[in-house]
Amino acid sequence: MPLLDDPRHELFAQAIARGEMQGRAYVEAGFEATTKQSISTGASKLALKSHISARVAEIQELAARKAERKIAIKKADILQMLLEDRESARARNQFGPAVRATELLGKQMGMFADRQQIEVGPLDDMSVTELAEMYEQINTIARTTGGAERSTIEGDAGAEAGDAVSGDGTALDPKLPEAL
């Protein structure tokens, strides 16, 4: 779609496309109104015209394509610089920088993933010894309170997170984390 015939309509469409409020776009485009209400009314009526909304959509689409090209160019430029830096480092026997450039190229290609440790509860901060002691304590509680069907945590005989309480619902051992 070519530029709109009315220059004020074109300016209004451009202002709307870049995110201006309708009233401000209306005034910036050169339309005259004496009150805020007349500005708002005129801007709303103009924005509803089909040639204006079509031009706004076209301008926004062109801007989106231009931004995509800029991003693609920048990405390609960075990759090219990394390749050049890698080759330059290798030529000078600087293997540390060469390996780093190679690593960054690999990350860009999705070959490597950064590893993260995820902590999910109160047991994460406990040592192996503390966990083993807790395990024994829970097994002792299960054996002394539950009979055959609650003999160990390992079995699938009905032990659940809430089983570390007595029959009346009170906690058996206050040292156990609430998560159990």
C-alpha atoms as a PDB file:
ATOM      1  CA  MET A   1       0.000   0.000   0.000  1.00  0.00           C
ATOM      2  CA  PRO A   2       1.484   3.367  -0.953  1.00  0.00           C
ATOM      3  CA  LEU A   3       1.493   6.421   1.297  1.00  0.00           C
ATOM      4  CA  LEU A   4      -1.969   7.764   2.039  1.00  0.00           C
ATOM      5  CA  ASP A   5      -3.127  10.659  -0.146  1.00  0.00           C
ATOM      6  CA  ASP A   6      -3.904  12.933   2.797  1.00  0.00           C
ATOM      7  CA  PRO A   7      -0.599  13.738   4.546  1.00  0.00           C
ATOM      8  CA  ARG A   8      -2.366  14.209   7.887  1.00  0.00           C
ATOM      9  CA  HIS A   9      -3.894  10.737   7.583  1.00  0.00           C
ATOM     10  CA  GLU A  10      -0.421   9.331   6.822  1.00  0.00           C
ATOM     11  CA  LEU A  11       1.115  11.092   9.836  1.00  0.00           C
ATOM     12  CA  PHE A  12      -1.729   9.845  12.043  1.00  0.00           C
ATOM     13  CA  ALA A  13      -1.247   6.260  10.817  1.00  0.00           C
ATOM     14  CA  GLN A  14       2.525   6.453  11.390  1.00  0.00           C
ATOM     15  CA  ALA A  15       2.051   7.782  14.926  1.00  0.00           C
ATOM     16  CA  ILE A  16      -0.452   5.038  15.779  1.00  0.00           C
ATOM     17  CA  ALA A  17       1.873   2.410  14.291  1.00  0.00           C
ATOM     18  CA  ARG A  18       4.733   3.495  16.555  1.00  0.00           C
ATOM     19  CA  GLY A  19       2.466   3.288  19.603  1.00  0.00           C
ATOM     20  CA  GLU A  20       1.154   6.799  20.191  1.00  0.00           C
ATOM     21  CA  MET A  21      -2.246   7.232  21.806  1.00  0.00           C
ATOM     22  CA  GLN A  22      -4.960   8.224  19.338  1.00  0.00           C
ATOM     23  CA  GLY A  23      -5.489  11.724  20.743  1.00  0.00           C
ATOM     24  CA  ARG A  24      -1.785  12.572  20.681  1.00  0.00           C
ATOM     25  CA  ALA A  25      -1.429  11.108  17.163  1.00  0.00           C
ATOM     26  CA  TYR A  26      -4.399  13.208  16.037  1.00  0.00           C
ATOM     27  CA  VAL A  27      -2.822  16.431  17.305  1.00  0.00           C
ATOM     28  CA  GLU A  28       0.678  15.497  16.017  1.00  0.00           C
ATOM     29  CA  ALA A  29      -0.802  14.896  12.569  1.00  0.00           C
ATOM     30  CA  GLY A  30      -1.996  18.494  12.464  1.00  0.00           C
ATOM     31  CA  PHE A  31      -5.695  18.106  13.159  1.00  0.00           C
ATOM     32  CA  GLU A  32      -7.181  20.972  15.130  1.00  0.00           C
ATOM     33  CA  ALA A  33      -9.639  20.550  17.941  1.00  0.00           C
ATOM     34  CA  THR A  34     -10.537  22.865  20.785  1.00  0.00           C
ATOM     35  CA  THR A  35     -11.326  20.408  23.593  1.00  0.00           C
ATOM     36  CA  LYS A  36     -10.086  17.067  24.803  1.00  0.00           C
ATOM     37  CA  GLN A  37     -13.469  15.602  23.923  1.00  0.00           C
ATOM     38  CA  SER A  38     -13.288  16.827  20.330  1.00  0.00           C
ATOM     39  CA  ILE A  39      -9.722  15.475  20.002  1.00  0.00           C
ATOM     40  CA  SER A  40     -10.815  12.100  21.349  1.00  0.00           C
ATOM     41  CA  THR A  41     -13.878  11.958  19.103  1.00  0.00           C
ATOM     42  CA  GLY A  42     -11.979  12.997  15.960  1.00  0.00           C
ATOM     43  CA  ALA A  43      -9.147  10.562  16.681  1.00  0.00           C
ATOM     44  CA  SER A  44     -11.536   7.673  17.307  1.00  0.00           C
ATOM     45  CA  LYS A  45     -13.460   8.327  14.105  1.00  0.00           C
ATOM     46  CA  LEU A  46     -10.257   8.587  12.081  1.00  0.00           C
ATOM     47  CA  ALA A  47      -8.788   5.396  13.604  1.00  0.00           C
ATOM     48  CA  LEU A  48     -11.906   3.454  12.578  1.00  0.00           C
ATOM     49  CA  LYS A  49     -11.511   4.286   8.888  1.00  0.00           C
ATOM     50  CA  SER A  50     -10.447   1.210   6.931  1.00  0.00           C
ATOM     51  CA  HIS A  51      -7.664   2.912   4.972  1.00  0.00           C
ATOM     52  CA  ILE A  52      -6.104   4.136   8.246  1.00  0.00           C
ATOM     53  CA  SER A  53      -6.204   0.732   9.980  1.00  0.00           C
ATOM     54  CA  ALA A  54      -4.831  -0.958   6.840  1.00  0.00           C
ATOM     55  CA  ARG A  55      -1.951   1.542   6.660  1.00  0.00           C
ATOM     56  CA  VAL A  56      -1.175   1.096  10.389  1.00  0.00           C
ATOM     57  CA  ALA A  57      -1.033  -2.689   9.917  1.00  0.00           C
ATOM     58  CA  GLU A  58       1.247  -2.291   6.890  1.00  0.00           C
ATOM     59  CA  ILE A  59       3.637   0.048   8.721  1.00  0.00           C
ATOM     60  CA  GLN A  60       3.815  -2.316  11.699  1.00  0.00           C
ATOM     61  CA  GLU A  61       4.470  -5.295   9.420  1.00  0.00           C
ATOM     62  CA  LEU A  62       7.281  -3.439   7.641  1.00  0.00           C
ATOM     63  CA  ALA A  63       8.817  -2.473  10.998  1.00  0.00           C
ATOM     64  CA  ALA A  64       8.647  -6.087  12.208  1.00  0.00           C
ATOM     65  CA  ARG A  65      10.400  -7.365   9.072  1.00  0.00           C
ATOM     66  CA  LYS A  66      13.086  -4.702   9.383  1.00  0.00           C
ATOM     67  CA  ALA A  67      13.698  -5.648  13.036  1.00  0.00           C
ATOM     68  CA  GLU A  68      13.967  -9.336  12.105  1.00  0.00           C
ATOM     69  CA  ARG A  69      16.565  -8.531   9.454  1.00  0.00           C
ATOM     70  CA  LYS A  70      18.569  -6.456  11.941  1.00  0.00           C
ATOM     71  CA  ILE A  71      18.562  -9.291  14.456  1.00  0.00           C
ATOM     72  CA  ALA A  72      19.578 -11.819  11.818  1.00  0.00           C
ATOM     73  CA  ILE A  73      22.385  -9.584  10.618  1.00  0.00           C
ATOM     74  CA  LYS A  74      23.671  -9.014  14.129  1.00  0.00           C
ATOM     75  CA  LYS A  75      23.578 -12.733  14.899  1.00  0.00           C
ATOM     76  CA  ALA A  76      25.400 -13.591  11.693  1.00  0.00           C
ATOM     77  CA  ASP A  77      27.966 -10.864  12.393  1.00  0.00           C
ATOM     78  CA  ILE A  78      28.635 -12.191  15.888  1.00  0.00           C
ATOM     79  CA  LEU A  79      29.021 -15.745  14.627  1.00  0.00           C
ATOM     80  CA  GLN A  80      31.440 -14.534  11.963  1.00  0.00           C
ATOM     81  CA  MET A  81      33.477 -12.628  14.563  1.00  0.00           C
ATOM     82  CA  LEU A  82      33.638 -15.718  16.784  1.00  0.00           C
ATOM     83  CA  LEU A  83      34.878 -17.803  13.859  1.00  0.00           C
ATOM     84  CA  GLU A  84      37.516 -15.202  13.003  1.00  0.00           C
ATOM     85  CA  ASP A  85      38.609 -14.897  16.643  1.00  0.00           C
ATOM     86  CA  ARG A  86      38.872 -18.670  16.913  1.00  0.00           C
ATOM     87  CA  GLU A  87      41.063 -18.922  13.821  1.00  0.00           C
ATOM     88  CA  SER A  88      43.219 -15.993  14.925  1.00  0.00           C
ATOM     89  CA  ALA A  89      43.747 -17.529  18.373  1.00  0.00           C
ATOM     90  CA  ARG A  90      44.642 -20.912  16.883  1.00  0.00           C
ATOM     91  CA  ALA A  91      47.126 -19.305  14.484  1.00  0.00           C
ATOM     92  CA  ARG A  92      48.902 -17.729  17.486  1.00  0.00           C
ATOM     93  CA  ASN A  93      48.761 -20.980  19.504  1.00  0.00           C
ATOM     94  CA  GLN A  94      46.408 -19.356  22.048  1.00  0.00           C
ATOM     95  CA  PHE A  95      44.351 -22.421  22.698  1.00  0.00           C
ATOM     96  CA  GLY A  96      42.375 -21.077  25.669  1.00  0.00           C
ATOM     97  CA  PRO A  97      40.689 -18.310  23.653  1.00  0.00           C
ATOM     98  CA  ALA A  98      40.268 -20.686  20.704  1.00  0.00           C
ATOM     99  CA  VAL A  99      38.481 -23.238  22.891  1.00  0.00           C
ATOM    100  CA  ARG A 100      36.279 -20.503  24.397  1.00  0.00           C
ATOM    101  CA  ALA A 101      35.258 -19.261  20.944  1.00  0.00           C
ATOM    102  CA  THR A 102      34.505 -22.839  19.920  1.00  0.00           C
ATOM    103  CA  GLU A 103      32.436 -23.308  23.072  1.00  0.00           C
ATOM    104  CA  LEU A 104      30.393 -20.180  22.350  1.00  0.00           C
ATOM    105  CA  LEU A 105      29.798 -21.309  18.783  1.00  0.00           C
ATOM    106  CA  GLY A 106      28.661 -24.706  20.074  1.00  0.00           C
ATOM    107  CA  LYS A 107      26.283 -23.085  22.549  1.00  0.00           C
ATOM    108  CA  GLN A 108      24.799 -21.005  19.760  1.00  0.00           C
ATOM    109  CA  MET A 109      24.209 -24.194  17.802  1.00  0.00           C
ATOM    110  CA  GLY A 110      22.503 -25.770  20.838  1.00  0.00           C
ATOM    111  CA  MET A 111      25.204 -28.368  21.397  1.00  0.00           C
ATOM    112  CA  PHE A 112      25.814 -27.554  25.067  1.00  0.00           C
ATOM    113  CA  ALA A 113      23.443 -26.844  27.931  1.00  0.00           C
ATOM    114  CA  ASP A 114      24.310 -25.051  31.146  1.00  0.00           C
ATOM    115  CA  ARG A 115      23.694 -27.326  34.110  1.00  0.00           C
ATOM    116  CA  GLN A 116      21.843 -26.024  37.114  1.00  0.00           C
ATOM    117  CA  GLN A 117      21.277 -27.533  40.528  1.00  0.00           C
ATOM    118  CA  ILE A 118      17.634 -27.479  41.504  1.00  0.00           C
ATOM    119  CA  GLU A 119      16.708 -27.593  45.175  1.00  0.00           C
ATOM    120  CA  VAL A 120      13.169 -28.563  46.019  1.00  0.00           C
ATOM    121  CA  GLY A 121      12.795 -28.957  49.763  1.00  0.00           C
ATOM    122  CA  PRO A 122      14.136 -29.104  53.304  1.00  0.00           C
ATOM    123  CA  LEU A 123      16.044 -32.348  52.694  1.00  0.00           C
ATOM    124  CA  ASP A 124      18.368 -30.659  50.181  1.00  0.00           C
ATOM    125  CA  ASP A 125      20.503 -29.086  52.922  1.00  0.00           C
ATOM    126  CA  MET A 126      20.928 -32.309  54.899  1.00  0.00           C
ATOM    127  CA  SER A 127      24.105 -34.397  54.759  1.00  0.00           C
ATOM    128  CA  VAL A 128      24.088 -38.061  53.783  1.00  0.00           C
ATOM    129  CA  THR A 129      24.613 -38.971  57.447  1.00  0.00           C
ATOM    130  CA  GLU A 130      21.647 -36.872  58.552  1.00  0.00           C
ATOM    131  CA  LEU A 131      19.470 -38.411  55.849  1.00  0.00           C
ATOM    132  CA  ALA A 132      20.510 -41.936  56.899  1.00  0.00           C
ATOM    133  CA  GLU A 133      19.694 -41.143  60.549  1.00  0.00           C
ATOM    134  CA  MET A 134      16.293 -39.795  59.539  1.00  0.00           C
ATOM    135  CA  TYR A 135      15.642 -42.885  57.434  1.00  0.00           C
ATOM    136  CA  GLU A 136      16.382 -45.154  60.411  1.00  0.00           C
ATOM    137  CA  GLN A 137      14.237 -43.003  62.670  1.00  0.00           C
ATOM    138  CA  ILE A 138      11.290 -43.202  60.290  1.00  0.00           C
ATOM    139  CA  ASN A 139      11.669 -46.962  59.930  1.00  0.00           C
ATOM    140  CA  THR A 140      11.732 -47.332  63.731  1.00  0.00           C
ATOM    141  CA  ILE A 141       8.555 -45.276  64.038  1.00  0.00           C
ATOM    142  CA  ALA A 142       6.879 -47.253  61.284  1.00  0.00           C
ATOM    143  CA  ARG A 143       7.784 -50.595  62.895  1.00  0.00           C
ATOM    144  CA  THR A 144       6.671 -49.606  66.383  1.00  0.00           C
ATOM    145  CA  THR A 145       3.397 -47.932  65.454  1.00  0.00           C
ATOM    146  CA  GLY A 146       2.001 -49.571  62.403  1.00  0.00           C
ATOM    147  CA  GLY A 147       2.267 -53.316  62.535  1.00  0.00           C
ATOM    148  CA  ALA A 148       2.773 -55.410  59.408  1.00  0.00           C
ATOM    149  CA  GLU A 149       1.239 -53.085  56.829  1.00  0.00           C
ATOM    150  CA  ARG A 150       3.436 -50.148  57.946  1.00  0.00           C
ATOM    151  CA  SER A 151       6.689 -51.970  58.634  1.00  0.00           C
ATOM    152  CA  THR A 152       9.047 -49.927  56.424  1.00  0.00           C
ATOM    153  CA  ILE A 153       9.078 -46.951  54.136  1.00  0.00           C
ATOM    154  CA  GLU A 154      10.601 -49.116  51.419  1.00  0.00           C
ATOM    155  CA  GLY A 155       7.529 -51.317  51.118  1.00  0.00           C
ATOM    156  CA  ASP A 156       4.460 -50.317  49.182  1.00  0.00           C
ATOM    157  CA  ALA A 157       2.164 -51.321  52.007  1.00  0.00           C
ATOM    158  CA  GLY A 158       0.533 -47.929  52.440  1.00  0.00           C
ATOM    159  CA  ALA A 159       3.261 -45.656  53.841  1.00  0.00           C
ATOM    160  CA  GLU A 160       2.525 -42.102  52.804  1.00  0.00           C
ATOM    161  CA  ALA A 161       3.909 -38.671  53.623  1.00  0.00           C
ATOM    162  CA  GLY A 162       1.384 -38.211  56.429  1.00  0.00           C
ATOM    163  CA  ASP A 163       2.139 -41.591  58.098  1.00  0.00           C
ATOM    164  CA  ALA A 164       4.669 -40.109  60.543  1.00  0.00           C
ATOM    165  CA  VAL A 165       1.820 -39.218  62.943  1.00  0.00           C
ATOM    166  CA  SER A 166       0.030 -41.203  65.611  1.00  0.00           C
ATOM    167  CA  GLY A 167      -3.511 -42.480  65.285  1.00  0.00           C
ATOM    168  CA  ASP A 168      -4.964 -39.270  66.764  1.00  0.00           C
ATOM    169  CA  GLY A 169      -3.040 -37.064  64.287  1.00  0.00           C
ATOM    170  CA  THR A 170      -0.301 -35.780  66.605  1.00  0.00           C
ATOM    171  CA  ALA A 171       3.316 -35.840  65.462  1.00  0.00           C
ATOM    172  CA  LEU A 172       5.373 -38.797  66.731  1.00  0.00           C
ATOM    173  CA  ASP A 173       8.744 -37.075  66.581  1.00  0.00           C
ATOM    174  CA  PRO A 174       9.063 -33.252  66.453  1.00  0.00           C
ATOM    175  CA  LYS A 175      12.560 -33.545  64.884  1.00  0.00           C
ATOM    176  CA  LEU A 176      11.123 -34.825  61.598  1.00  0.00           C
ATOM    177  CA  PRO A 177      10.600 -32.180  58.898  1.00  0.00           C
ATOM    178  CA  GLU A 178       7.011 -31.175  58.200  1.00  0.00           C
ATOM    179  CA  ALA A 179       7.428 -32.382  54.608  1.00  0.00           C
ATOM    180  CA  LEU A 180       7.307 -35.966  55.887  1.00  0.00           C
END
